[in-house]
Protein backbone atom coordinates (compact mmCIF):
# COMPACT_ATOMS: atom_id res chain seq x y z
CA UNK A 1 105.97 92.43 127.88
CA UNK A 2 105.26 91.72 124.44
CA UNK A 3 108.01 92.34 121.66
CA UNK A 4 107.08 94.43 118.44
CA UNK A 5 106.40 90.99 116.42
CA UNK A 6 104.27 89.84 119.21
CA UNK A 7 102.06 92.76 118.90
CA UNK A 8 102.32 92.86 114.88
CA UNK A 9 101.45 88.89 114.92
CA UNK A 10 98.11 89.85 116.67
CA UNK A 11 97.09 92.49 113.90
CA UNK A 12 94.22 89.92 112.59
CA UNK A 13 92.00 92.99 113.50
CA UNK A 14 93.74 95.29 111.29
CA UNK A 15 93.17 95.39 107.26
CA UNK A 16 95.57 93.95 104.80
CA UNK A 17 97.17 95.96 101.72
CA UNK A 18 94.66 95.67 99.00
CA UNK A 19 95.01 92.69 96.57
CA UNK A 20 95.51 95.35 93.77
CA UNK A 21 98.83 96.84 95.68
CA UNK A 22 100.13 93.48 95.97
CA UNK A 23 99.72 92.79 92.06
CA UNK A 24 101.68 95.99 91.26
CA UNK A 25 104.51 95.30 93.89
CA UNK A 26 104.86 91.89 92.05
CA UNK A 27 105.49 93.69 88.88
CA UNK A 28 107.74 96.19 90.41
CA UNK A 29 109.90 93.60 92.33
CA UNK A 30 110.40 91.67 88.92
CA UNK A 31 113.86 92.25 87.46
CA UNK A 32 112.11 91.60 83.96
CA UNK A 33 108.80 93.68 84.73
CA UNK A 34 108.11 96.36 82.16
CA UNK A 35 105.43 99.42 81.90
CA UNK A 36 103.19 97.40 79.79
CA UNK A 37 103.08 94.98 82.82
CA UNK A 38 102.47 97.67 85.19
CA UNK A 39 99.96 99.47 83.49
CA UNK A 40 97.98 96.18 83.19
CA UNK A 41 98.33 95.13 86.76
CA UNK A 42 97.05 98.66 87.50
CA UNK A 43 94.19 98.91 85.14
CA UNK A 44 93.08 95.44 86.72
CA UNK A 45 91.49 97.17 89.77
CA UNK A 46 89.83 100.61 88.20
CA UNK A 47 89.46 101.85 91.30
CA UNK A 48 92.55 102.54 91.95
CA UNK A 49 94.03 103.24 89.00
CA UNK A 50 90.82 106.20 88.77
CA UNK A 51 92.39 107.34 92.56
CA UNK A 52 96.11 107.08 91.29
CA UNK A 53 95.07 109.42 88.56
CA UNK A 54 93.35 111.70 90.94
CA UNK A 55 96.41 111.96 93.06
CA UNK A 56 98.84 112.68 90.24
CA UNK A 57 96.56 115.08 88.95
CA UNK A 58 96.16 116.74 92.27
CA UNK A 59 97.23 120.33 93.39
CA UNK A 60 99.61 118.65 95.65
CA UNK A 61 101.77 117.09 93.11
CA UNK A 62 101.35 119.87 90.72
CA UNK A 63 102.44 117.84 87.30
CA UNK A 64 102.33 120.44 84.05
CA UNK A 65 99.09 119.56 82.08
CA UNK A 66 96.73 116.49 82.85
CA UNK A 67 97.80 112.92 83.32
CA UNK A 68 94.76 110.78 81.95
CA UNK A 69 96.02 107.14 81.90
CA UNK A 70 98.06 104.90 83.79
CA UNK A 71 100.71 104.38 80.70
CA UNK A 72 100.88 107.86 80.42
CA UNK A 73 101.66 108.35 84.38
CA UNK A 74 104.26 105.63 84.04
CA UNK A 75 105.99 107.10 80.91
CA UNK A 76 105.81 110.69 82.89
CA UNK A 77 106.53 109.35 86.61
CA UNK A 78 108.46 106.38 85.86
CA UNK A 79 107.63 102.86 87.72
CA UNK A 80 108.96 103.69 91.05
CA UNK A 81 107.52 106.89 91.51
CA UNK A 82 103.71 105.26 90.58
CA UNK A 83 104.70 102.22 92.73
CA UNK A 84 105.22 104.82 95.88
CA UNK A 85 101.90 106.70 94.58
CA UNK A 86 100.08 103.40 94.57
CA UNK A 87 101.57 102.37 98.19
CA UNK A 88 100.27 105.23 99.25
CA UNK A 89 96.67 104.80 98.17
CA UNK A 90 97.14 101.42 99.50
CA UNK A 91 97.69 102.45 103.37
CA UNK A 92 95.32 105.04 103.07
CA UNK A 93 92.55 102.72 101.43
CA UNK A 94 93.57 99.94 103.79
CA UNK A 95 92.84 102.21 106.80
CA UNK A 96 90.42 104.36 106.16
CA UNK A 97 87.58 102.31 107.94
CA UNK A 98 89.68 101.35 110.79
CA UNK A 99 88.22 102.87 114.28
CA UNK A 100 89.65 102.97 117.55
CA UNK A 101 88.42 104.28 121.11
CA UNK A 102 92.07 105.08 121.80
CA UNK A 103 92.08 108.13 119.16
CA UNK A 104 90.49 110.03 116.64
CA UNK A 105 91.28 108.62 113.32
CA UNK A 106 90.88 112.07 111.57
CA UNK A 107 93.46 113.18 113.87
CA UNK A 108 95.62 110.74 113.70
CA UNK A 109 95.93 110.31 109.63
CA UNK A 110 96.10 114.07 109.44
CA UNK A 111 99.35 114.12 111.79
CA UNK A 112 100.72 110.85 109.63
CA UNK A 113 100.25 112.86 106.38
CA UNK A 114 101.95 116.27 107.97
CA UNK A 115 104.76 113.71 108.89
CA UNK A 116 104.41 112.37 105.05
CA UNK A 117 105.03 116.06 103.91
CA UNK A 118 107.76 116.91 105.67
CA UNK A 119 109.53 114.01 104.89
CA UNK A 120 109.13 114.69 100.98
CA UNK A 121 110.59 118.24 101.70
CA UNK A 122 113.47 117.38 103.34
CA UNK A 123 114.16 114.54 101.11
CA UNK A 124 113.89 117.30 98.57
CA UNK A 125 116.26 119.29 100.47
CA UNK A 126 118.90 116.77 100.75
CA UNK A 127 118.90 115.97 96.80
CA UNK A 128 116.78 112.76 97.27
CA UNK A 129 115.72 111.79 93.33
CA UNK A 130 113.00 109.80 94.81
CA UNK A 131 111.57 112.25 97.34
CA UNK A 132 108.18 110.08 97.07
CA UNK A 133 109.48 107.36 98.79
CA UNK A 134 110.16 109.17 101.63
CA UNK A 135 106.43 110.68 101.59
CA UNK A 136 105.21 106.90 101.87
CA UNK A 137 107.67 106.16 104.84
CA UNK A 138 106.69 109.31 106.69
CA UNK A 139 103.20 108.13 106.33
CA UNK A 140 104.19 105.07 107.76
CA UNK A 141 106.12 106.25 110.67
CA UNK A 142 103.50 106.68 112.94
CA UNK A 143 101.56 103.57 112.08
CA UNK A 144 103.00 101.30 114.88
CA UNK A 145 101.04 103.40 116.86
CA UNK A 146 97.63 102.18 114.93
CA UNK A 147 98.76 99.15 115.55
CA UNK A 148 99.38 99.50 119.37
CA UNK A 149 96.05 101.05 119.69
CA UNK A 150 93.92 98.33 117.97
CA UNK A 151 95.86 95.25 119.39
CA UNK A 152 96.83 95.97 123.05
CA UNK A 153 94.71 99.30 123.51
CA UNK A 154 94.70 99.52 127.20
CA UNK A 155 98.29 99.60 127.33
CA UNK A 156 98.27 102.06 125.15
CA UNK A 157 96.45 104.31 126.94
CA UNK A 158 98.37 103.74 129.81
CA UNK A 159 101.60 104.90 128.38
CA UNK A 160 99.77 107.81 126.91
CA UNK A 161 98.48 108.84 130.61
CA UNK A 162 102.01 108.20 131.86
CA UNK A 163 103.68 110.35 129.61
CA UNK A 164 101.39 113.38 130.21
CA UNK A 165 101.56 112.85 133.94
CA UNK A 166 105.01 112.72 134.03
CA UNK A 167 106.20 114.62 130.88
CA UNK A 168 108.88 111.92 129.68
CA UNK A 169 108.61 111.22 125.91
CA UNK A 170 105.90 108.72 124.77
CA UNK A 171 108.25 105.92 123.77
CA UNK A 172 110.25 105.76 126.81
CA UNK A 173 106.89 105.18 128.41
CA UNK A 174 106.00 102.62 126.22
CA UNK A 175 108.98 100.80 126.01
CA UNK A 176 108.81 100.18 130.39
CA UNK A 177 105.04 99.32 129.90
CA UNK A 178 104.29 97.51 127.02
CA UNK A 179 108.27 96.09 126.45
CA UNK A 180 108.92 98.24 122.81
CA UNK A 181 107.68 101.42 120.90
CA UNK A 182 105.77 102.45 118.09
CA UNK A 183 108.67 103.02 116.03
CA UNK A 184 109.61 99.16 116.91
CA UNK A 185 106.21 98.12 115.98
CA UNK A 186 106.05 100.21 112.74
CA UNK A 187 109.28 98.30 111.37
CA UNK A 188 107.82 94.99 112.77
CA UNK A 189 104.79 95.58 110.31
CA UNK A 190 106.77 96.54 107.64
CA UNK A 191 108.54 93.19 107.27
CA UNK A 192 105.13 91.49 107.70
CA UNK A 193 103.76 93.26 104.65
CA UNK A 194 106.92 92.60 103.12
CA UNK A 195 107.11 96.18 101.76
CA UNK A 196 110.46 97.70 100.52
CA UNK A 197 113.54 96.69 102.89
CA UNK A 198 114.46 100.42 102.82
CA UNK A 199 111.55 100.93 104.79
CA UNK A 200 112.64 99.31 107.92
CA UNK A 201 115.65 100.75 109.43
CA UNK A 202 114.35 104.36 108.72
CA UNK A 203 110.91 103.51 110.50
CA UNK A 204 112.81 101.16 113.72
CA UNK A 205 115.57 104.07 113.84
CA UNK A 206 113.36 107.53 113.89
CA UNK A 207 113.78 108.10 117.49
CA UNK A 208 117.39 107.43 117.41
CA UNK A 209 118.75 108.00 114.06
CA UNK A 210 122.39 107.59 115.15
CA UNK A 211 121.62 104.15 115.55
CA UNK A 212 120.84 103.69 111.77
CA UNK A 213 123.66 101.80 110.11
CA UNK A 214 122.79 101.95 106.23
CA UNK A 215 119.84 104.33 106.38
CA UNK A 216 121.14 107.45 108.66
CA UNK A 217 120.00 110.29 106.76
CA UNK A 218 116.36 108.61 106.09
CA UNK A 219 115.96 107.70 109.63
CA UNK A 220 116.59 111.66 110.35
CA UNK A 221 114.29 112.83 108.20
CA UNK A 222 111.83 110.62 109.64
CA UNK A 223 112.83 112.17 113.00
CA UNK A 224 112.67 115.70 112.11
CA UNK A 225 109.33 115.12 110.01
CA UNK A 226 107.70 113.56 112.94
CA UNK A 227 108.62 116.66 115.48
CA UNK A 228 107.28 118.87 112.43
CA UNK A 229 103.94 116.93 111.88
CA UNK A 230 103.40 117.08 115.71
CA UNK A 231 104.03 120.66 115.55
CA UNK A 232 101.67 120.97 112.71
CA UNK A 233 98.80 119.16 114.14
CA UNK A 234 99.09 121.13 117.72
CA UNK A 235 100.13 117.23 118.90
CA UNK A 236 102.58 116.92 121.52
CA UNK A 237 105.86 116.65 120.23
CA UNK A 238 109.79 116.24 121.71
CA UNK A 239 112.69 118.48 120.90
CA UNK A 240 114.41 117.59 117.51
CA UNK A 241 117.57 115.40 118.07
CA UNK A 242 121.00 117.63 117.60
CA UNK A 243 122.41 114.93 115.76
CA UNK A 244 119.71 114.81 113.29
CA UNK A 245 119.38 118.35 112.89
CA UNK A 246 123.32 118.42 112.19
CA UNK A 247 123.04 115.47 109.74
CA UNK A 248 120.57 117.69 107.65
CA UNK A 249 122.41 120.64 108.19
CA UNK A 250 119.07 122.62 109.68
CA UNK A 251 118.80 125.55 111.82
CA UNK A 252 116.17 127.46 113.34
CA UNK A 253 115.01 129.34 110.30
CA UNK A 254 115.32 126.25 108.20
CA UNK A 255 112.57 124.62 110.71
CA UNK A 256 110.60 127.39 110.58
CA UNK A 257 110.39 127.38 106.88
CA UNK A 258 109.79 123.92 106.61
CA UNK A 259 106.71 124.14 109.24
CA UNK A 260 105.24 126.64 106.63
CA UNK A 261 105.44 124.59 103.94
CA UNK A 262 103.90 121.56 105.88
CA UNK A 263 100.98 123.80 107.29
CA UNK A 264 100.58 125.18 103.49
CA UNK A 265 100.19 121.76 102.06
CA UNK A 266 98.43 119.51 104.66
CA UNK A 267 94.68 120.43 104.05
CA UNK A 268 95.52 119.71 100.04
CA UNK A 269 97.38 116.32 100.62
CA UNK A 270 94.82 115.53 103.53
CA UNK A 271 91.79 115.93 101.20
CA UNK A 272 93.75 113.89 98.25
CA UNK A 273 94.40 110.99 99.91
CA UNK A 274 91.64 110.87 103.26
CA UNK A 275 88.67 112.13 100.87
CA UNK A 276 86.24 111.19 103.26
CA UNK A 277 87.89 112.09 106.57
CA UNK A 278 88.56 115.16 105.18
CA UNK A 279 84.96 116.03 104.44
CA UNK A 280 83.75 114.61 108.01
């Protein structure tokens, strides 16, 4: 049996986040960091700067007018929102070339983008000012599975097979066969990568949002986003937790509306963040 930390410690076969993102993160984490310093950090990697500008100018974001420079993007969107866009780019870039025999990567990332869209929409409905942060959390919410598929593929396959044969939730079978579930592994990766601390608890508690102590609302958002993302990509899913639905004040009509929003935006968002996979 393996713990989530033990699995993450074996991730030498997985890529690291791009160095360009780490430069951006250092400026964001610095209490005295400025827009000028952040613009300089982003401009140090022309490919990253170009990709971020492409993202913020995409139909998925829908900002009025064209944003042509990093500095203008920062002035319009603010440092934190640009950081979130950069982090979404960094995640998609880091894992763009990962291959695993367990699942098709196009399907994996398409469902992750569906989760991200759902999380952003739920955050907006809940009144979050920084809804883009929830987009990134949604994009990362299933990353634990990618780690498991890469590091312990035999056990991951056995868990998937056992879940299908017994019709039990996948995470329950993972706990029995591996010793931890994908949510725990994803949370352990957040710590290992030194991502924002606020990501840790929602990702770890997404399967049981009531277990969260500080970020219960975000955990509930990721839980519902997971069910919507699976439905939008015709993947196996579990019934939404009633407590999560209650926390977010969602009824069946709301879920149907959210589902339609996710499916309506999915192709555009997937092409924005994973252009090579979308074209494959």
